[in-house]
Amino acid sequence: MAAQASFSIERPGGPRTVTVAYERAGAGEPLLLLHGIGHHWQAWEPVLRILATERDVIAVDLPGFGTSPALPDGFTYDLTSMVPVLAGFCRELGLDRPHVAGNSLGGLLALDMGREKLVRSVTALSPAGFWTGAERRYAFGTLLAMRHGARTLPVPLVERLSRSAAGRAALTGTIYARPGRRSPEAVVAETLALRHATGFGQTLAAGRDVLFRDDIPEIPVTVAWGSRDRILLRRQGVRAKRVLPGARLVRLPGCGHVPMNDDPALVARVILDTSR
């Protein structure tokens, strides 16, 4: 059931109210799902029902994305702001150290929540933060090109393209290895989500100096990478394993940067295995 949570976060100069939209389904131990930059909670729809058979699943629209408002004045879109916001969201919903799974930006946030011991387990799908400078510039250039397309294509053209497999590939083939599997409605919605993402620019700017360097002992961590990831190349998974020697590194054959659409059963199994 779609909902919103509003809660206060202490900042210099006084508390600020943050509002986060989310979808919740299922029962069991809590599992928080975090999407990537420019996306929305619906990125998780292909796996949501599978996960909800065993978990109380909470898929969020990160602040400034989907239907969540932008962060209020006094916040930045870096880890020092976003992780306390997610911790505040968990407190508001009464989630005691949930499991967390994240994709791309969401994977980086999930890992940082694990580093802060805010969660029970972490599954990071193609997480940001394990790049070289050249790899980061390539990824950011690709994301900016996607954003430009989403902002400049007329909506009737997006709708027309979404009706064919070739058109869906043109719109979303950068993030999916099997874009033809997306429904026309989902492709239109995520293109518009990227177009209207008020947090996009500040989030991208905040990521320019991000490198994840800390191990996460004592909790289960899985890092999974699609073999056909065209944004964050899969060799970054090997780098992640060096930083996180206790983590399980999983290859996702035939999957792109957002693997939940490409192989829902495999991705759901990886997440559930980690959270067990």
C-alpha atoms as a PDB file:
ATOM      1  CA  MET A   1       0.000   0.000   0.000  1.00  0.00           C
ATOM      2  CA  ALA A   2       1.489   3.357  -1.046  1.00  0.00           C
ATOM      3  CA  ALA A   3       2.063   5.802   1.808  1.00  0.00           C
ATOM      4  CA  GLN A   4       4.181   8.697   3.031  1.00  0.00           C
ATOM      5  CA  ALA A   5       6.137   9.180   6.238  1.00  0.00           C
ATOM      6  CA  SER A   6       7.114  12.608   7.604  1.00  0.00           C
ATOM      7  CA  PHE A   7       9.640  12.912  10.417  1.00  0.00           C
ATOM      8  CA  SER A   8      12.084  15.384  11.932  1.00  0.00           C
ATOM      9  CA  ILE A   9      15.855  15.309  11.548  1.00  0.00           C
ATOM     10  CA  GLU A  10      18.073  17.509  13.672  1.00  0.00           C
ATOM     11  CA  ARG A  11      20.224  19.928  11.684  1.00  0.00           C
ATOM     12  CA  PRO A  12      22.294  22.983  12.601  1.00  0.00           C
ATOM     13  CA  GLY A  13      19.748  25.717  13.225  1.00  0.00           C
ATOM     14  CA  GLY A  14      17.006  23.344  14.319  1.00  0.00           C
ATOM     15  CA  PRO A  15      15.047  20.293  13.194  1.00  0.00           C
ATOM     16  CA  ARG A  16      13.817  19.903   9.635  1.00  0.00           C
ATOM     17  CA  THR A  17      10.894  17.803   8.419  1.00  0.00           C
ATOM     18  CA  VAL A  18      11.627  15.204   5.742  1.00  0.00           C
ATOM     19  CA  THR A  19       8.908  13.344   3.833  1.00  0.00           C
ATOM     20  CA  VAL A  20       9.526   9.984   2.168  1.00  0.00           C
ATOM     21  CA  ALA A  21       7.063   8.084  -0.024  1.00  0.00           C
ATOM     22  CA  TYR A  22       7.127   4.308   0.079  1.00  0.00           C
ATOM     23  CA  GLU A  23       5.352   1.106  -0.885  1.00  0.00           C
ATOM     24  CA  ARG A  24       4.907  -1.656   1.692  1.00  0.00           C
ATOM     25  CA  ALA A  25       3.885  -5.280   1.262  1.00  0.00           C
ATOM     26  CA  GLY A  26       4.275  -8.672   2.900  1.00  0.00           C
ATOM     27  CA  ALA A  27       5.089  -9.870   6.396  1.00  0.00           C
ATOM     28  CA  GLY A  28       8.148 -11.079   8.267  1.00  0.00           C
ATOM     29  CA  GLU A  29      11.447  -9.440   9.105  1.00  0.00           C
ATOM     30  CA  PRO A  30      11.664  -5.931   7.585  1.00  0.00           C
ATOM     31  CA  LEU A  31      13.486  -5.465   4.284  1.00  0.00           C
ATOM     32  CA  LEU A  32      14.231  -1.944   3.015  1.00  0.00           C
ATOM     33  CA  LEU A  33      14.684  -1.496  -0.761  1.00  0.00           C
ATOM     34  CA  LEU A  34      16.634   1.480  -2.163  1.00  0.00           C
ATOM     35  CA  HIS A  35      16.625   2.416  -5.856  1.00  0.00           C
ATOM     36  CA  GLY A  36      19.290   4.078  -7.994  1.00  0.00           C
ATOM     37  CA  ILE A  37      19.706   7.678  -9.114  1.00  0.00           C
ATOM     38  CA  GLY A  38      16.851   8.969 -11.264  1.00  0.00           C
ATOM     39  CA  HIS A  39      14.664   5.942 -10.593  1.00  0.00           C
ATOM     40  CA  HIS A  40      11.748   5.346  -8.218  1.00  0.00           C
ATOM     41  CA  TRP A  41      10.532   2.548  -5.957  1.00  0.00           C
ATOM     42  CA  GLN A  42       8.854   0.846  -8.901  1.00  0.00           C
ATOM     43  CA  ALA A  43      12.291  -0.354 -10.023  1.00  0.00           C
ATOM     44  CA  TRP A  44      11.686  -3.135  -7.477  1.00  0.00           C
ATOM     45  CA  GLU A  45       8.235  -4.164  -8.772  1.00  0.00           C
ATOM     46  CA  PRO A  46       9.542  -7.256 -10.604  1.00  0.00           C
ATOM     47  CA  VAL A  47      10.801  -8.758  -7.309  1.00  0.00           C
ATOM     48  CA  LEU A  48       8.435  -7.176  -4.799  1.00  0.00           C
ATOM     49  CA  ARG A  49       5.857  -9.970  -4.655  1.00  0.00           C
ATOM     50  CA  ILE A  50       8.528 -12.667  -4.397  1.00  0.00           C
ATOM     51  CA  LEU A  51      10.262 -10.887  -1.529  1.00  0.00           C
ATOM     52  CA  ALA A  52       6.952 -10.166   0.193  1.00  0.00           C
ATOM     53  CA  THR A  53       6.301 -13.888   0.632  1.00  0.00           C
ATOM     54  CA  GLU A  54       9.026 -13.921   3.306  1.00  0.00           C
ATOM     55  CA  ARG A  55       9.650 -10.315   4.305  1.00  0.00           C
ATOM     56  CA  ASP A  56       7.902  -7.106   5.333  1.00  0.00           C
ATOM     57  CA  VAL A  57       9.091  -5.188   2.278  1.00  0.00           C
ATOM     58  CA  ILE A  58       9.397  -1.395   2.290  1.00  0.00           C
ATOM     59  CA  ALA A  59      10.422   0.097  -1.074  1.00  0.00           C
ATOM     60  CA  VAL A  60      11.152   3.816  -0.801  1.00  0.00           C
ATOM     61  CA  ASP A  61      11.283   6.770  -3.143  1.00  0.00           C
ATOM     62  CA  LEU A  62      14.504   8.442  -2.029  1.00  0.00           C
ATOM     63  CA  PRO A  63      14.153  12.183  -1.292  1.00  0.00           C
ATOM     64  CA  GLY A  64      14.050  14.133  -4.532  1.00  0.00           C
ATOM     65  CA  PHE A  65      13.014  11.077  -6.566  1.00  0.00           C
ATOM     66  CA  GLY A  66       9.700   9.485  -7.461  1.00  0.00           C
ATOM     67  CA  THR A  67       6.965  11.121  -5.421  1.00  0.00           C
ATOM     68  CA  SER A  68       9.192  12.011  -2.452  1.00  0.00           C
ATOM     69  CA  PRO A  69       9.749  15.771  -2.087  1.00  0.00           C
ATOM     70  CA  ALA A  70      13.231  17.209  -2.277  1.00  0.00           C
ATOM     71  CA  LEU A  71      15.238  17.475   0.907  1.00  0.00           C
ATOM     72  CA  PRO A  72      14.571  20.701   2.839  1.00  0.00           C
ATOM     73  CA  ASP A  73      17.109  23.504   3.203  1.00  0.00           C
ATOM     74  CA  GLY A  74      20.110  22.542   5.296  1.00  0.00           C
ATOM     75  CA  PHE A  75      20.541  19.106   3.710  1.00  0.00           C
ATOM     76  CA  THR A  76      22.894  17.843   1.056  1.00  0.00           C
ATOM     77  CA  TYR A  77      22.429  14.711  -1.025  1.00  0.00           C
ATOM     78  CA  ASP A  78      25.613  13.020   0.182  1.00  0.00           C
ATOM     79  CA  LEU A  79      26.029  10.106   2.586  1.00  0.00           C
ATOM     80  CA  THR A  80      26.292  12.388   5.614  1.00  0.00           C
ATOM     81  CA  SER A  81      22.704  13.541   5.011  1.00  0.00           C
ATOM     82  CA  MET A  82      21.071  10.600   3.287  1.00  0.00           C
ATOM     83  CA  VAL A  83      22.017   7.881   5.773  1.00  0.00           C
ATOM     84  CA  PRO A  84      20.613   9.819   8.780  1.00  0.00           C
ATOM     85  CA  VAL A  85      17.457  10.471   6.734  1.00  0.00           C
ATOM     86  CA  LEU A  86      17.059   6.749   6.077  1.00  0.00           C
ATOM     87  CA  ALA A  87      17.744   6.014   9.746  1.00  0.00           C
ATOM     88  CA  GLY A  88      15.039   8.542  10.687  1.00  0.00           C
ATOM     89  CA  PHE A  89      12.643   6.924   8.234  1.00  0.00           C
ATOM     90  CA  CYS A  90      13.273   3.518   9.827  1.00  0.00           C
ATOM     91  CA  ARG A  91      12.627   4.952  13.290  1.00  0.00           C
ATOM     92  CA  GLU A  92       9.390   6.549  12.119  1.00  0.00           C
ATOM     93  CA  LEU A  93       8.129   3.217  10.791  1.00  0.00           C
ATOM     94  CA  GLY A  94       9.410   1.272  13.793  1.00  0.00           C
ATOM     95  CA  LEU A  95      11.860  -0.763  11.718  1.00  0.00           C
ATOM     96  CA  ASP A  96      14.451  -2.194  14.096  1.00  0.00           C
ATOM     97  CA  ARG A  97      17.611  -2.735  12.047  1.00  0.00           C
ATOM     98  CA  PRO A  98      15.950  -3.919   8.836  1.00  0.00           C
ATOM     99  CA  HIS A  99      17.653  -5.925   6.172  1.00  0.00           C
ATOM    100  CA  VAL A 100      18.493  -3.631   3.266  1.00  0.00           C
ATOM    101  CA  ALA A 101      18.981  -4.140  -0.455  1.00  0.00           C
ATOM    102  CA  GLY A 102      20.002  -1.353  -2.803  1.00  0.00           C
ATOM    103  CA  ASN A 103      20.832  -0.874  -6.457  1.00  0.00           C
ATOM    104  CA  SER A 104      23.506   1.539  -7.748  1.00  0.00           C
ATOM    105  CA  LEU A 105      23.142   4.683  -5.588  1.00  0.00           C
ATOM    106  CA  GLY A 106      20.867   2.603  -3.371  1.00  0.00           C
ATOM    107  CA  GLY A 107      23.600  -0.024  -3.088  1.00  0.00           C
ATOM    108  CA  LEU A 108      26.069   2.587  -1.866  1.00  0.00           C
ATOM    109  CA  LEU A 109      23.523   3.835   0.673  1.00  0.00           C
ATOM    110  CA  ALA A 110      22.843   0.260   1.800  1.00  0.00           C
ATOM    111  CA  LEU A 111      26.560  -0.363   2.335  1.00  0.00           C
ATOM    112  CA  ASP A 112      26.921   2.829   4.332  1.00  0.00           C
ATOM    113  CA  MET A 113      23.945   1.863   6.479  1.00  0.00           C
ATOM    114  CA  GLY A 114      25.730  -1.425   7.079  1.00  0.00           C
ATOM    115  CA  ARG A 115      28.935   0.374   7.983  1.00  0.00           C
ATOM    116  CA  GLU A 116      26.958   2.366  10.561  1.00  0.00           C
ATOM    117  CA  LYS A 117      25.427  -0.880  11.924  1.00  0.00           C
ATOM    118  CA  LEU A 118      21.899   0.342  11.159  1.00  0.00           C
ATOM    119  CA  VAL A 119      20.827  -2.870   9.404  1.00  0.00           C
ATOM    120  CA  ARG A 120      20.889  -6.650   9.827  1.00  0.00           C
ATOM    121  CA  SER A 121      22.208  -7.510   6.375  1.00  0.00           C
ATOM    122  CA  VAL A 122      23.182  -5.752   3.148  1.00  0.00           C
ATOM    123  CA  THR A 123      22.623  -6.774  -0.459  1.00  0.00           C
ATOM    124  CA  ALA A 124      24.230  -4.296  -2.856  1.00  0.00           C
ATOM    125  CA  LEU A 125      23.401  -4.684  -6.557  1.00  0.00           C
ATOM    126  CA  SER A 126      25.980  -2.895  -8.740  1.00  0.00           C
ATOM    127  CA  PRO A 127      26.709  -0.383  -5.964  1.00  0.00           C
ATOM    128  CA  ALA A 128      28.312   2.975  -6.700  1.00  0.00           C
ATOM    129  CA  GLY A 129      31.618   3.894  -5.084  1.00  0.00           C
ATOM    130  CA  PHE A 130      34.060   1.253  -6.366  1.00  0.00           C
ATOM    131  CA  TRP A 131      35.043   3.052  -9.551  1.00  0.00           C
ATOM    132  CA  THR A 132      38.241   4.571 -10.872  1.00  0.00           C
ATOM    133  CA  GLY A 133      38.142   8.225 -11.889  1.00  0.00           C
ATOM    134  CA  ALA A 134      37.724   7.277 -15.538  1.00  0.00           C
ATOM    135  CA  GLU A 135      34.952   4.794 -14.749  1.00  0.00           C
ATOM    136  CA  ARG A 136      33.103   7.383 -12.688  1.00  0.00           C
ATOM    137  CA  ARG A 137      33.318   9.978 -15.464  1.00  0.00           C
ATOM    138  CA  TYR A 138      32.007   7.433 -17.961  1.00  0.00           C
ATOM    139  CA  ALA A 139      29.115   6.467 -15.672  1.00  0.00           C
ATOM    140  CA  PHE A 140      28.207  10.081 -14.940  1.00  0.00           C
ATOM    141  CA  GLY A 141      28.361  10.977 -18.627  1.00  0.00           C
ATOM    142  CA  THR A 142      26.013   8.105 -19.431  1.00  0.00           C
ATOM    143  CA  LEU A 143      23.596   9.135 -16.689  1.00  0.00           C
ATOM    144  CA  LEU A 144      23.616  12.753 -17.840  1.00  0.00           C
ATOM    145  CA  ALA A 145      22.848  11.652 -21.409  1.00  0.00           C
ATOM    146  CA  MET A 146      19.907   9.588 -20.123  1.00  0.00           C
ATOM    147  CA  ARG A 147      18.666  12.542 -18.104  1.00  0.00           C
ATOM    148  CA  HIS A 148      18.952  14.855 -21.126  1.00  0.00           C
ATOM    149  CA  GLY A 149      16.921  12.439 -23.237  1.00  0.00           C
ATOM    150  CA  ALA A 150      14.248  12.082 -20.567  1.00  0.00           C
ATOM    151  CA  ARG A 151      13.930  15.854 -20.264  1.00  0.00           C
ATOM    152  CA  THR A 152      13.853  16.672 -23.960  1.00  0.00           C
ATOM    153  CA  LEU A 153      11.792  13.894 -25.567  1.00  0.00           C
ATOM    154  CA  PRO A 154       8.140  14.933 -25.897  1.00  0.00           C
ATOM    155  CA  VAL A 155       5.846  12.796 -23.752  1.00  0.00           C
ATOM    156  CA  PRO A 156       3.770  11.619 -26.773  1.00  0.00           C
ATOM    157  CA  LEU A 157       7.005  10.365 -28.366  1.00  0.00           C
ATOM    158  CA  VAL A 158       7.986   8.530 -25.168  1.00  0.00           C
ATOM    159  CA  GLU A 159       4.558   6.912 -25.095  1.00  0.00           C
ATOM    160  CA  ARG A 160       4.801   5.910 -28.746  1.00  0.00           C
ATOM    161  CA  LEU A 161       8.306   4.456 -28.326  1.00  0.00           C
ATOM    162  CA  SER A 162       7.225   2.482 -25.271  1.00  0.00           C
ATOM    163  CA  ARG A 163       4.726   0.474 -27.303  1.00  0.00           C
ATOM    164  CA  SER A 164       7.409  -1.477 -29.186  1.00  0.00           C
ATOM    165  CA  ALA A 165      10.295  -3.624 -27.962  1.00  0.00           C
ATOM    166  CA  ALA A 166      12.700  -1.571 -30.069  1.00  0.00           C
ATOM    167  CA  GLY A 167      11.390   1.653 -28.573  1.00  0.00           C
ATOM    168  CA  ARG A 168      11.673   0.321 -25.029  1.00  0.00           C
ATOM    169  CA  ALA A 169      15.248  -0.673 -25.820  1.00  0.00           C
ATOM    170  CA  ALA A 170      15.975   2.850 -27.054  1.00  0.00           C
ATOM    171  CA  LEU A 171      14.559   4.361 -23.870  1.00  0.00           C
ATOM    172  CA  THR A 172      15.891   1.919 -21.248  1.00  0.00           C
ATOM    173  CA  GLY A 173      18.476  -0.323 -22.894  1.00  0.00           C
ATOM    174  CA  THR A 174      21.279   1.419 -21.008  1.00  0.00           C
ATOM    175  CA  ILE A 175      20.068   0.106 -17.662  1.00  0.00           C
ATOM    176  CA  TYR A 176      18.361  -3.167 -18.658  1.00  0.00           C
ATOM    177  CA  ALA A 177      19.846  -6.094 -20.530  1.00  0.00           C
ATOM    178  CA  ARG A 178      16.310  -7.195 -21.456  1.00  0.00           C
ATOM    179  CA  PRO A 179      14.378  -3.927 -21.886  1.00  0.00           C
ATOM    180  CA  GLY A 180      11.701  -5.642 -23.928  1.00  0.00           C
ATOM    181  CA  ARG A 181      10.445  -7.251 -20.722  1.00  0.00           C
ATOM    182  CA  ARG A 182       9.393  -3.896 -19.302  1.00  0.00           C
ATOM    183  CA  SER A 183       5.783  -2.951 -19.802  1.00  0.00           C
ATOM    184  CA  PRO A 184       5.045   0.186 -21.841  1.00  0.00           C
ATOM    185  CA  GLU A 185       3.483   1.771 -18.748  1.00  0.00           C
ATOM    186  CA  ALA A 186       6.584   1.087 -16.637  1.00  0.00           C
ATOM    187  CA  VAL A 187       8.896   2.546 -19.282  1.00  0.00           C
ATOM    188  CA  VAL A 188       6.869   5.740 -19.558  1.00  0.00           C
ATOM    189  CA  ALA A 189       6.678   6.083 -15.777  1.00  0.00           C
ATOM    190  CA  GLU A 190      10.405   5.628 -15.209  1.00  0.00           C
ATOM    191  CA  THR A 191      11.290   7.990 -18.057  1.00  0.00           C
ATOM    192  CA  LEU A 192       9.092  10.654 -16.450  1.00  0.00           C
ATOM    193  CA  ALA A 193      10.579   9.840 -13.032  1.00  0.00           C
ATOM    194  CA  LEU A 194      14.033  10.573 -14.432  1.00  0.00           C
ATOM    195  CA  ARG A 195      12.747  13.757 -16.076  1.00  0.00           C
ATOM    196  CA  HIS A 196      11.226  15.112 -12.857  1.00  0.00           C
ATOM    197  CA  ALA A 197      13.871  13.922 -10.351  1.00  0.00           C
ATOM    198  CA  THR A 198      14.564  17.106  -8.390  1.00  0.00           C
ATOM    199  CA  GLY A 199      17.429  15.455  -6.519  1.00  0.00           C
ATOM    200  CA  PHE A 200      19.290  14.264  -9.607  1.00  0.00           C
ATOM    201  CA  GLY A 201      21.813  17.086 -10.076  1.00  0.00           C
ATOM    202  CA  GLN A 202      22.758  17.456  -6.425  1.00  0.00           C
ATOM    203  CA  THR A 203      23.027  13.696  -5.958  1.00  0.00           C
ATOM    204  CA  LEU A 204      25.303  13.366  -8.962  1.00  0.00           C
ATOM    205  CA  ALA A 205      27.455  16.275  -7.764  1.00  0.00           C
ATOM    206  CA  ALA A 206      27.729  14.720  -4.290  1.00  0.00           C
ATOM    207  CA  GLY A 207      29.024  11.485  -5.820  1.00  0.00           C
ATOM    208  CA  ARG A 208      32.035  12.980  -7.551  1.00  0.00           C
ATOM    209  CA  ASP A 209      34.394  12.333  -4.651  1.00  0.00           C
ATOM    210  CA  VAL A 210      32.786   9.144  -3.322  1.00  0.00           C
ATOM    211  CA  LEU A 211      34.889   6.025  -2.827  1.00  0.00           C
ATOM    212  CA  PHE A 212      33.741   3.274  -0.499  1.00  0.00           C
ATOM    213  CA  ARG A 213      36.808   2.161   1.457  1.00  0.00           C
ATOM    214  CA  ASP A 214      35.563   0.540   4.681  1.00  0.00           C
ATOM    215  CA  ASP A 215      35.012  -3.118   5.466  1.00  0.00           C
ATOM    216  CA  ILE A 216      31.695  -4.121   7.066  1.00  0.00           C
ATOM    217  CA  PRO A 217      32.387  -6.869   9.585  1.00  0.00           C
ATOM    218  CA  GLU A 218      29.842  -8.727  11.717  1.00  0.00           C
ATOM    219  CA  ILE A 219      26.838  -8.567   9.373  1.00  0.00           C
ATOM    220  CA  PRO A 220      26.116 -10.539   6.178  1.00  0.00           C
ATOM    221  CA  VAL A 221      26.997  -8.593   3.025  1.00  0.00           C
ATOM    222  CA  THR A 222      26.436  -9.633  -0.580  1.00  0.00           C
ATOM    223  CA  VAL A 223      27.666  -7.644  -3.564  1.00  0.00           C
ATOM    224  CA  ALA A 224      26.054  -8.742  -6.841  1.00  0.00           C
ATOM    225  CA  TRP A 225      26.919  -7.511 -10.331  1.00  0.00           C
ATOM    226  CA  GLY A 226      25.181  -7.995 -13.656  1.00  0.00           C
ATOM    227  CA  SER A 227      27.384  -9.498 -16.342  1.00  0.00           C
ATOM    228  CA  ARG A 228      25.919  -6.999 -18.834  1.00  0.00           C
ATOM    229  CA  ASP A 229      26.056  -3.858 -16.691  1.00  0.00           C
ATOM    230  CA  ARG A 230      26.718  -0.964 -19.088  1.00  0.00           C
ATOM    231  CA  ILE A 231      26.969   1.812 -16.491  1.00  0.00           C
ATOM    232  CA  LEU A 232      29.090   0.438 -13.636  1.00  0.00           C
ATOM    233  CA  LEU A 233      31.257  -2.189 -15.315  1.00  0.00           C
ATOM    234  CA  ARG A 234      31.409  -5.554 -13.602  1.00  0.00           C
ATOM    235  CA  ARG A 235      35.151  -5.402 -12.846  1.00  0.00           C
ATOM    236  CA  GLN A 236      34.176  -2.977 -10.081  1.00  0.00           C
ATOM    237  CA  GLY A 237      32.723  -5.975  -8.261  1.00  0.00           C
ATOM    238  CA  VAL A 238      36.218  -7.437  -7.902  1.00  0.00           C
ATOM    239  CA  ARG A 239      37.320  -4.139  -6.387  1.00  0.00           C
ATOM    240  CA  ALA A 240      34.378  -4.250  -3.985  1.00  0.00           C
ATOM    241  CA  LYS A 241      35.421  -7.734  -2.865  1.00  0.00           C
ATOM    242  CA  ARG A 242      38.892  -6.424  -2.001  1.00  0.00           C
ATOM    243  CA  VAL A 243      37.374  -3.673   0.134  1.00  0.00           C
ATOM    244  CA  LEU A 244      34.844  -6.078   1.686  1.00  0.00           C
ATOM    245  CA  PRO A 245      36.784  -9.361   2.017  1.00  0.00           C
ATOM    246  CA  GLY A 246      34.054 -11.017   4.080  1.00  0.00           C
ATOM    247  CA  ALA A 247      31.336 -10.233   1.548  1.00  0.00           C
ATOM    248  CA  ARG A 248      29.846 -12.720  -0.859  1.00  0.00           C
ATOM    249  CA  LEU A 249      30.430 -11.655  -4.467  1.00  0.00           C
ATOM    250  CA  VAL A 250      27.737 -12.920  -6.842  1.00  0.00           C
ATOM    251  CA  ARG A 251      27.631 -12.747 -10.622  1.00  0.00           C
ATOM    252  CA  LEU A 252      24.229 -12.114 -12.200  1.00  0.00           C
ATOM    253  CA  PRO A 253      24.463 -13.685 -15.681  1.00  0.00           C
ATOM    254  CA  GLY A 254      22.653 -11.818 -18.430  1.00  0.00           C
ATOM    255  CA  CYS A 255      21.661  -8.928 -16.156  1.00  0.00           C
ATOM    256  CA  GLY A 256      22.174  -5.221 -16.703  1.00  0.00           C
ATOM    257  CA  HIS A 257      22.685  -2.350 -14.286  1.00  0.00           C
ATOM    258  CA  VAL A 258      19.157  -2.650 -12.857  1.00  0.00           C
ATOM    259  CA  PRO A 259      18.982  -6.458 -12.621  1.00  0.00           C
ATOM    260  CA  MET A 260      15.589  -6.782 -10.902  1.00  0.00           C
ATOM    261  CA  ASN A 261      13.861  -6.581 -14.298  1.00  0.00           C
ATOM    262  CA  ASP A 262      16.262  -8.877 -16.130  1.00  0.00           C
ATOM    263  CA  ASP A 263      16.110 -11.881 -13.776  1.00  0.00           C
ATOM    264  CA  PRO A 264      13.632 -11.315 -10.940  1.00  0.00           C
ATOM    265  CA  ALA A 265      13.872 -14.854  -9.544  1.00  0.00           C
ATOM    266  CA  LEU A 266      17.663 -14.749  -9.314  1.00  0.00           C
ATOM    267  CA  VAL A 267      17.779 -11.295  -7.746  1.00  0.00           C
ATOM    268  CA  ALA A 268      15.071 -12.179  -5.218  1.00  0.00           C
ATOM    269  CA  ARG A 269      16.950 -15.362  -4.284  1.00  0.00           C
ATOM    270  CA  VAL A 270      20.202 -13.451  -3.746  1.00  0.00           C
ATOM    271  CA  ILE A 271      18.450 -10.933  -1.479  1.00  0.00           C
ATOM    272  CA  LEU A 272      16.566 -13.559   0.518  1.00  0.00           C
ATOM    273  CA  ASP A 273      19.659 -15.756   0.886  1.00  0.00           C
ATOM    274  CA  THR A 274      21.580 -12.809   2.323  1.00  0.00           C
ATOM    275  CA  SER A 275      18.779 -11.828   4.681  1.00  0.00           C
ATOM    276  CA  ARG A 276      18.521 -15.361   6.031  1.00  0.00           C
END
